[in-house]
Amino acid sequence: MYFLTYYFWLNQINLTNKKGIFFMEHKNLTLDYDENLINRILDDINNRYILLFLYIIRNDLFQDLNNQEIIDSYNRVLILDEIYKGNLLSFWDTEFIETAIDLGLIKNIRTIREFEQKDQDFIIRIGQETITIEQNTISVPADTLYLMINKKFKFLTRRNFNLAITRLKSVRCERIGTIHPFIYQIGENDYTISDDLYYILDQFGNIYQTVKIENTIENFYERFKEILEKTDNYIDIFDSKLNNKSILNKINLAIEGNRDIFKYLKEEKVELPDKLKLKNLNKDEEIVQKWRSTLLKLLNYRYEMLEIEKELNEIRNYYSGKEKKYSYLEFIEKISFNEENIVDTIRNLLVNLRKSIVKINEDIEELTKKELKLLNLDYERFIIMSS
């Protein structure tokens, strides 16, 4: 009896172990079981750019170390005491030079056009610390990697970069307690992408193209925000209340309904300072007309800019944000194969939005803070004189 009970208990343990065999064997990062984890890591922009740039360095710059000629020619340049433009033309092919410049490997050249304009004896700066290849492994110094990313994505801070580096060295599996290193540290401060992650990413298409498109979108958005902020600052000169969120919403409703903004605000019982009420003022006076028309122009431009922002966020929602349409891996795949004409759609939208932003910016560029402050002073003086 005791023997049978003990035998049954052993079998239960064995069955439990057999049930857990997969998890014990799941040591390497795989797409089948870690896709959600990979997408979660890629959703964080600080993680994403580190991983994608390490992939691009290995795949697009050094062709996954499958071409010994590229490795040898790269190393021949690194050992030179002084590196001249002519050396690069002698040892590196055009594609390698273009990629190296685009990534920021060359410190004192920002574009291929700038490179082409330099003389053969122009000294090239690569830096004391740079990418090295030893024992079939690409080592990228942390400083070099950060500067490469920051060249394209200015909003990535060094602090967030350092935190992400630490995090990516040991990512906990969502299924079991094992650790998946997404990157490996080499020596004191160099890093390389893990083979597991490299070959997973490699399945999804052209990551370099995807990063370029994301960079185009994000740079466009950053420039847009600069113009919107400038517009808000100009409106603030007239009165800071006009940038209040609740009043801003009512102003936009008035513009949408093609209503007189100030009459609409009065109907909505919005408290405004006297200078915005235009009571007891001769509206035919030049200063009144100029002040009013300038303010209305800025309010209408801001409304247009906020409408443009909605369209821009629709584009950014392809890969980020609360209303994200695709996981980042899906985004890579769709961009790589232009699924649903996504590349053409993004390009056409950006071209059209650019036309609108350029027109607004040209008009706003004609104004200055000094000019607007003087206009307001003259207007306020007129109100005092008229009272």
Protein backbone atom coordinates (compact mmCIF):
# COMPACT_ATOMS: atom_id res chain seq x y z
CA MET A 1 0.00 0.00 0.00
CA TYR A 2 2.75 2.43 1.01
CA PHE A 3 4.73 1.40 -2.10
CA LEU A 4 1.80 2.11 -4.42
CA THR A 5 1.22 5.52 -2.82
CA TYR A 6 4.91 6.41 -3.16
CA TYR A 7 4.95 5.19 -6.79
CA PHE A 8 1.89 7.34 -7.59
CA TRP A 9 3.52 10.38 -5.95
CA LEU A 10 6.71 9.91 -8.02
CA ASN A 11 4.64 9.73 -11.20
CA GLN A 12 2.91 12.97 -10.29
CA ILE A 13 6.29 14.67 -9.95
CA ASN A 14 7.43 13.23 -13.28
CA LEU A 15 4.24 14.37 -14.98
CA THR A 16 4.71 17.83 -13.59
CA ASN A 17 8.29 17.87 -14.82
CA LYS A 18 7.25 16.61 -18.26
CA LYS A 19 4.67 19.34 -18.42
CA GLY A 20 7.42 21.84 -17.65
CA ILE A 21 10.02 20.44 -20.06
CA PHE A 22 9.39 23.20 -22.64
CA PHE A 23 9.95 25.96 -20.12
CA MET A 24 13.18 24.38 -18.90
CA GLU A 25 14.37 24.20 -22.51
CA HIS A 26 13.27 27.75 -23.37
CA LYS A 27 16.59 29.48 -22.82
CA ASN A 28 17.06 31.40 -26.08
CA LEU A 29 14.97 34.29 -27.35
CA THR A 30 12.53 33.02 -30.01
CA LEU A 31 9.82 34.64 -32.09
CA ASP A 32 7.29 31.89 -31.34
CA TYR A 33 7.35 32.44 -27.60
CA ASP A 34 8.78 35.93 -27.13
CA GLU A 35 7.10 38.04 -29.83
CA ASN A 36 5.03 39.93 -27.28
CA LEU A 37 8.12 40.59 -25.16
CA ILE A 38 10.09 41.86 -28.18
CA ASN A 39 7.26 44.20 -29.20
CA ARG A 40 6.94 45.49 -25.64
CA ILE A 41 10.66 46.28 -25.57
CA LEU A 42 10.51 47.94 -29.01
CA ASP A 43 7.53 50.07 -27.93
CA ASP A 44 9.89 52.01 -25.67
CA ILE A 45 11.75 54.46 -27.94
CA ASN A 46 14.83 54.39 -25.72
CA ASN A 47 15.09 50.61 -26.11
CA ARG A 48 14.04 50.64 -29.74
CA TYR A 49 16.72 52.86 -31.20
CA ILE A 50 19.53 51.11 -29.34
CA LEU A 51 18.46 47.74 -30.74
CA LEU A 52 17.69 48.95 -34.25
CA PHE A 53 20.93 50.90 -34.63
CA LEU A 54 22.98 47.94 -33.40
CA TYR A 55 21.14 45.83 -35.98
CA ILE A 56 21.77 48.39 -38.76
CA ILE A 57 25.48 48.62 -37.92
CA ARG A 58 25.79 44.85 -38.18
CA ASN A 59 23.49 44.30 -41.15
CA ASP A 60 23.71 47.38 -43.35
CA LEU A 61 27.20 48.65 -42.59
CA PHE A 62 29.09 45.38 -42.15
CA GLN A 63 26.74 42.99 -44.02
CA ASP A 64 26.53 40.62 -41.05
CA LEU A 65 30.31 40.08 -41.32
CA ASN A 66 29.79 37.88 -44.39
CA ASN A 67 32.14 39.95 -46.56
CA GLN A 68 35.76 39.74 -45.38
CA GLU A 69 36.80 42.42 -47.85
CA ILE A 70 34.60 44.98 -46.06
CA ILE A 71 36.09 44.03 -42.68
CA ASP A 72 39.66 44.24 -43.97
CA SER A 73 39.12 47.58 -45.72
CA TYR A 74 37.49 49.02 -42.60
CA ASN A 75 40.38 47.91 -40.40
CA ARG A 76 42.95 49.27 -42.87
CA VAL A 77 41.49 52.75 -42.42
CA LEU A 78 41.34 52.48 -38.62
CA ILE A 79 45.09 51.85 -38.28
CA LEU A 80 46.03 55.05 -40.13
CA ASP A 81 47.50 57.87 -38.03
CA GLU A 82 45.68 60.45 -40.13
CA ILE A 83 42.63 59.56 -42.21
CA TYR A 84 42.01 61.59 -45.36
CA LYS A 85 39.06 61.63 -47.72
CA GLY A 86 41.30 59.99 -50.33
CA ASN A 87 41.89 57.04 -47.96
CA LEU A 88 38.17 56.38 -47.71
CA LEU A 89 37.78 56.52 -51.49
CA SER A 90 40.67 54.08 -51.86
CA PHE A 91 39.57 51.49 -49.28
CA TRP A 92 35.80 51.83 -48.84
CA ASP A 93 33.14 51.40 -51.50
CA THR A 94 30.49 54.06 -52.13
CA GLU A 95 27.71 52.24 -50.28
CA PHE A 96 29.84 51.79 -47.17
CA ILE A 97 30.85 55.48 -47.19
CA GLU A 98 27.22 56.62 -47.60
CA THR A 99 26.02 54.38 -44.77
CA ALA A 100 28.90 55.38 -42.49
CA ILE A 101 28.14 59.07 -43.05
CA ASP A 102 24.40 58.62 -42.61
CA LEU A 103 24.90 56.78 -39.31
CA GLY A 104 27.34 59.38 -38.02
CA LEU A 105 30.44 57.16 -37.91
CA ILE A 106 32.38 60.08 -39.42
CA LYS A 107 32.29 62.91 -36.90
CA ASN A 108 33.02 65.92 -39.11
CA ILE A 109 30.87 65.07 -42.14
CA ARG A 110 27.07 65.14 -41.88
CA THR A 111 25.95 64.36 -45.43
CA ILE A 112 27.27 62.62 -48.53
CA ARG A 113 26.92 65.92 -50.41
CA GLU A 114 29.23 67.61 -47.91
CA PHE A 115 31.70 64.72 -48.31
CA GLU A 116 31.69 65.06 -52.10
CA GLN A 117 32.55 68.75 -51.86
CA LYS A 118 35.67 68.17 -49.74
CA ASP A 119 39.16 67.92 -51.22
CA GLN A 120 41.06 64.62 -51.27
CA ASP A 121 43.34 65.80 -48.45
CA PHE A 122 40.46 66.71 -46.12
CA ILE A 123 41.10 65.08 -42.71
CA ILE A 124 38.37 62.68 -41.59
CA ARG A 125 37.52 62.45 -37.89
CA ILE A 126 36.29 59.05 -36.73
CA GLY A 127 37.17 59.51 -33.06
CA GLN A 128 39.45 57.78 -30.61
CA GLU A 129 36.68 55.38 -29.67
CA THR A 130 34.83 53.83 -32.58
CA ILE A 131 33.35 50.57 -33.83
CA THR A 132 35.77 47.65 -33.81
CA ILE A 133 35.59 44.07 -35.09
CA GLU A 134 37.36 41.30 -33.23
CA GLN A 135 36.78 37.54 -33.18
CA ASN A 136 33.79 37.86 -35.49
CA THR A 137 32.05 40.30 -33.13
CA ILE A 138 31.14 43.93 -33.75
CA SER A 139 31.77 46.11 -30.70
CA VAL A 140 30.09 49.51 -30.54
CA PRO A 141 31.18 51.99 -27.82
CA ALA A 142 28.27 53.43 -25.84
CA ASP A 143 29.28 57.01 -26.72
CA THR A 144 29.44 56.20 -30.43
CA LEU A 145 26.05 54.48 -30.35
CA TYR A 146 24.40 57.33 -28.45
CA LEU A 147 25.75 59.96 -30.86
CA MET A 148 24.56 57.92 -33.85
CA ILE A 149 21.04 57.72 -32.44
CA ASN A 150 21.02 61.34 -31.29
CA LYS A 151 22.03 62.50 -34.77
CA LYS A 152 18.62 61.36 -36.02
CA PHE A 153 16.48 61.40 -32.88
CA LYS A 154 17.40 64.48 -30.84
CA PHE A 155 14.87 63.83 -28.09
CA LEU A 156 16.70 60.75 -26.77
CA THR A 157 18.51 61.84 -23.61
CA ARG A 158 21.78 60.35 -22.36
CA ARG A 159 20.18 59.43 -19.04
CA ASN A 160 17.39 57.44 -20.73
CA PHE A 161 19.93 55.88 -23.07
CA ASN A 162 22.04 54.67 -20.13
CA LEU A 163 18.99 53.27 -18.33
CA ALA A 164 17.89 51.44 -21.49
CA ILE A 165 21.38 49.95 -21.98
CA THR A 166 21.24 48.50 -18.46
CA ARG A 167 17.71 47.18 -19.01
CA LEU A 168 18.49 45.52 -22.35
CA LYS A 169 21.38 43.52 -20.95
CA SER A 170 18.98 41.42 -18.91
CA VAL A 171 15.34 41.28 -20.00
CA ARG A 172 13.19 38.87 -17.99
CA CYS A 173 11.20 36.36 -20.03
CA GLU A 174 7.41 36.78 -19.71
CA ARG A 175 6.87 33.01 -19.56
CA ILE A 176 9.48 31.87 -17.08
CA GLY A 177 12.10 33.45 -14.90
CA THR A 178 14.97 33.11 -17.36
CA ILE A 179 16.86 36.19 -18.59
CA HIS A 180 17.06 37.07 -22.29
CA PRO A 181 19.99 39.40 -23.04
CA PHE A 182 18.93 41.62 -25.95
CA ILE A 183 22.44 43.09 -26.05
CA TYR A 184 25.80 42.00 -24.67
CA GLN A 185 28.43 44.15 -23.02
CA ILE A 186 31.96 43.68 -24.33
CA GLY A 187 34.78 44.97 -22.20
CA GLU A 188 34.23 48.14 -20.25
CA ASN A 189 31.74 50.05 -22.35
CA ASP A 190 31.14 48.40 -25.75
CA TYR A 191 27.96 46.65 -26.85
CA THR A 192 26.69 44.26 -29.51
CA ILE A 193 23.26 42.95 -30.40
CA SER A 194 22.46 39.36 -29.42
CA ASP A 195 22.44 36.82 -32.25
CA ASP A 196 18.96 35.63 -31.24
CA LEU A 197 17.44 39.08 -31.58
CA TYR A 198 19.44 39.92 -34.71
CA TYR A 199 18.06 36.95 -36.64
CA ILE A 200 14.52 37.54 -35.36
CA LEU A 201 14.59 41.15 -36.57
CA ASP A 202 16.15 40.02 -39.82
CA GLN A 203 12.96 38.12 -40.69
CA PHE A 204 10.82 41.26 -40.82
CA GLY A 205 12.43 43.13 -43.70
CA ASN A 206 14.28 46.38 -44.21
CA ILE A 207 14.85 47.86 -40.76
CA TYR A 208 17.14 50.61 -42.08
CA GLN A 209 14.37 51.88 -44.36
CA THR A 210 11.89 51.75 -41.48
CA VAL A 211 14.16 53.82 -39.24
CA LYS A 212 14.66 56.37 -42.04
CA ILE A 213 10.90 56.74 -42.48
CA GLU A 214 10.30 57.03 -38.75
CA ASN A 215 13.09 59.60 -38.58
CA THR A 216 11.46 61.61 -41.39
CA ILE A 217 8.10 61.57 -39.57
CA GLU A 218 9.55 62.46 -36.17
CA ASN A 219 11.75 65.27 -37.53
CA PHE A 220 8.74 66.65 -39.38
CA TYR A 221 6.74 66.52 -36.15
CA GLU A 222 9.51 68.23 -34.15
CA ARG A 223 9.68 71.06 -36.68
CA PHE A 224 5.89 71.33 -36.62
CA LYS A 225 5.93 71.65 -32.80
CA GLU A 226 8.48 74.48 -33.02
CA ILE A 227 6.15 76.46 -35.31
CA LEU A 228 3.10 75.71 -33.13
CA GLU A 229 4.98 76.81 -30.01
CA LYS A 230 6.04 80.02 -31.74
CA THR A 231 2.41 80.69 -32.68
CA ASP A 232 1.28 80.10 -29.08
CA ASN A 233 3.99 82.45 -27.81
CA TYR A 234 2.83 85.17 -30.19
CA ILE A 235 -0.78 84.75 -29.06
CA ASP A 236 0.41 84.91 -25.46
CA ILE A 237 1.71 88.43 -26.14
CA PHE A 238 -1.87 89.54 -26.86
CA ASP A 239 -3.25 87.80 -23.77
CA SER A 240 -2.21 84.61 -21.95
CA LYS A 241 -5.87 83.64 -21.38
CA LEU A 242 -6.18 82.91 -25.09
CA ASN A 243 -3.91 79.89 -24.54
CA ASN A 244 -6.09 78.56 -21.72
CA LYS A 245 -7.31 75.09 -22.69
CA SER A 246 -11.03 75.72 -22.13
CA ILE A 247 -10.93 79.06 -23.95
CA LEU A 248 -8.83 77.52 -26.72
CA ASN A 249 -11.53 74.88 -27.28
CA LYS A 250 -14.22 77.57 -27.54
CA ILE A 251 -12.11 79.62 -29.97
CA ASN A 252 -11.70 76.52 -32.15
CA LEU A 253 -15.47 75.87 -32.04
CA ALA A 254 -16.08 79.44 -33.18
CA ILE A 255 -13.65 79.03 -36.08
CA GLU A 256 -15.22 75.69 -37.06
CA GLY A 257 -18.65 77.31 -37.07
CA ASN A 258 -17.37 80.33 -39.00
CA ARG A 259 -18.48 82.56 -36.12
CA ASP A 260 -17.08 85.87 -34.89
CA ILE A 261 -14.64 84.63 -32.22
CA PHE A 262 -15.13 87.42 -29.69
CA LYS A 263 -18.91 87.50 -30.04
CA TYR A 264 -18.98 83.74 -29.59
CA LEU A 265 -16.82 83.95 -26.45
CA LYS A 266 -19.17 86.61 -25.08
CA GLU A 267 -22.20 84.38 -25.78
CA GLU A 268 -20.41 81.53 -23.99
CA LYS A 269 -19.90 83.91 -21.02
CA VAL A 270 -16.13 83.62 -21.16
CA GLU A 271 -14.48 86.22 -18.93
CA LEU A 272 -11.99 88.21 -20.95
CA PRO A 273 -9.97 91.33 -20.17
CA ASP A 274 -11.36 94.67 -21.37
CA LYS A 275 -8.91 94.98 -24.24
CA LEU A 276 -10.43 91.88 -25.86
CA LYS A 277 -14.03 93.08 -25.50
CA LEU A 278 -13.59 96.00 -27.92
CA LYS A 279 -16.32 97.96 -26.12
CA ASN A 280 -16.62 101.69 -26.68
CA LEU A 281 -13.83 101.61 -29.24
CA ASN A 282 -13.90 103.00 -32.75
CA LYS A 283 -13.27 99.82 -34.72
CA ASP A 284 -12.40 101.84 -37.81
CA GLU A 285 -9.26 103.17 -36.14
CA GLU A 286 -6.12 101.84 -37.82
CA ILE A 287 -4.55 100.58 -34.58
CA VAL A 288 -7.73 98.69 -33.63
CA GLN A 289 -8.01 97.09 -37.05
CA LYS A 290 -4.33 96.13 -37.14
CA TRP A 291 -4.37 94.71 -33.62
CA ARG A 292 -7.58 92.76 -34.20
CA SER A 293 -6.62 91.40 -37.64
CA THR A 294 -3.18 90.28 -36.42
CA LEU A 295 -4.66 88.45 -33.43
CA LEU A 296 -7.39 86.81 -35.52
CA LYS A 297 -4.80 85.70 -38.07
CA LEU A 298 -2.74 84.02 -35.32
CA LEU A 299 -5.80 82.35 -33.80
CA ASN A 300 -6.80 80.98 -37.19
CA TYR A 301 -3.26 79.77 -37.88
CA ARG A 302 -3.20 77.97 -34.56
CA TYR A 303 -6.49 76.29 -35.41
CA GLU A 304 -5.03 75.12 -38.73
CA MET A 305 -1.91 73.88 -36.96
CA LEU A 306 -3.95 71.86 -34.47
CA GLU A 307 -5.84 70.27 -37.37
CA ILE A 308 -2.51 69.42 -38.99
CA GLU A 309 -1.35 67.90 -35.69
CA LYS A 310 -4.31 65.51 -35.77
CA GLU A 311 -3.23 64.29 -39.21
CA LEU A 312 0.39 64.00 -38.10
CA ASN A 313 -0.64 61.92 -35.11
CA GLU A 314 -2.62 59.67 -37.45
CA ILE A 315 0.66 58.96 -39.25
CA ARG A 316 2.58 58.47 -35.99
CA ASN A 317 -0.13 56.08 -34.79
CA TYR A 318 1.14 53.55 -37.32
CA TYR A 319 3.90 52.70 -34.84
CA SER A 320 3.41 54.58 -31.55
CA GLY A 321 0.94 56.20 -29.20
CA LYS A 322 -2.14 55.01 -27.31
CA GLU A 323 -4.02 54.45 -30.58
CA LYS A 324 -1.18 52.53 -32.21
CA LYS A 325 -2.31 50.54 -35.26
CA TYR A 326 0.56 48.04 -35.49
CA SER A 327 3.17 46.49 -33.27
CA TYR A 328 6.64 47.70 -34.21
CA LEU A 329 7.51 44.36 -35.81
CA GLU A 330 4.37 44.62 -37.95
CA PHE A 331 5.29 48.21 -38.82
CA ILE A 332 8.73 47.07 -40.03
CA GLU A 333 7.10 44.40 -42.18
CA LYS A 334 4.51 46.75 -43.68
CA ILE A 335 7.11 49.42 -44.48
CA SER A 336 9.53 46.88 -45.95
CA PHE A 337 7.00 45.45 -48.38
CA ASN A 338 4.86 48.59 -48.76
CA GLU A 339 1.81 46.66 -47.62
CA GLU A 340 -1.47 48.55 -48.12
CA ASN A 341 0.66 51.21 -49.86
CA ILE A 342 1.73 52.45 -46.43
CA VAL A 343 4.97 54.04 -47.68
CA ASP A 344 3.18 55.93 -50.46
CA THR A 345 0.42 56.99 -48.07
CA ILE A 346 2.89 58.38 -45.53
CA ARG A 347 4.90 60.15 -48.22
CA ASN A 348 1.84 61.78 -49.82
CA LEU A 349 0.42 62.89 -46.49
CA LEU A 350 3.71 64.47 -45.42
CA VAL A 351 4.09 66.27 -48.75
CA ASN A 352 0.60 67.78 -48.46
CA LEU A 353 1.01 68.70 -44.80
CA ARG A 354 4.36 70.30 -45.54
CA LYS A 355 2.76 72.63 -48.07
CA SER A 356 0.26 73.81 -45.45
CA ILE A 357 2.91 74.26 -42.75
CA VAL A 358 5.29 76.13 -45.07
CA LYS A 359 2.53 78.61 -45.98
CA ILE A 360 1.66 79.25 -42.32
CA ASN A 361 5.31 79.51 -41.32
CA GLU A 362 6.07 82.00 -44.10
CA ASP A 363 3.36 84.33 -42.76
CA ILE A 364 4.39 83.88 -39.11
CA GLU A 365 8.05 84.50 -40.00
CA GLU A 366 7.05 88.00 -41.10
CA LEU A 367 6.13 88.79 -37.48
CA THR A 368 8.52 89.37 -34.59
CA LYS A 369 8.06 89.41 -30.82
CA LYS A 370 9.27 93.00 -30.69
CA GLU A 371 6.80 94.11 -33.35
CA LEU A 372 3.88 92.38 -31.60
CA LYS A 373 4.80 93.80 -28.20
CA LEU A 374 4.93 97.30 -29.67
CA LEU A 375 1.57 96.70 -31.37
CA ASN A 376 0.05 95.71 -28.04
CA LEU A 377 1.57 98.71 -26.26
CA ASP A 378 0.18 101.05 -28.91
CA TYR A 379 -3.23 99.38 -28.66
CA GLU A 380 -3.34 99.55 -24.86
CA ARG A 381 -2.25 103.20 -25.00
CA PHE A 382 -5.08 103.87 -27.44
CA ILE A 383 -7.59 102.25 -25.06
CA ILE A 384 -6.41 104.45 -22.19
CA MET A 385 -6.58 107.57 -24.33
CA SER A 386 -10.09 106.65 -25.49
CA SER A 387 -11.51 106.01 -22.03
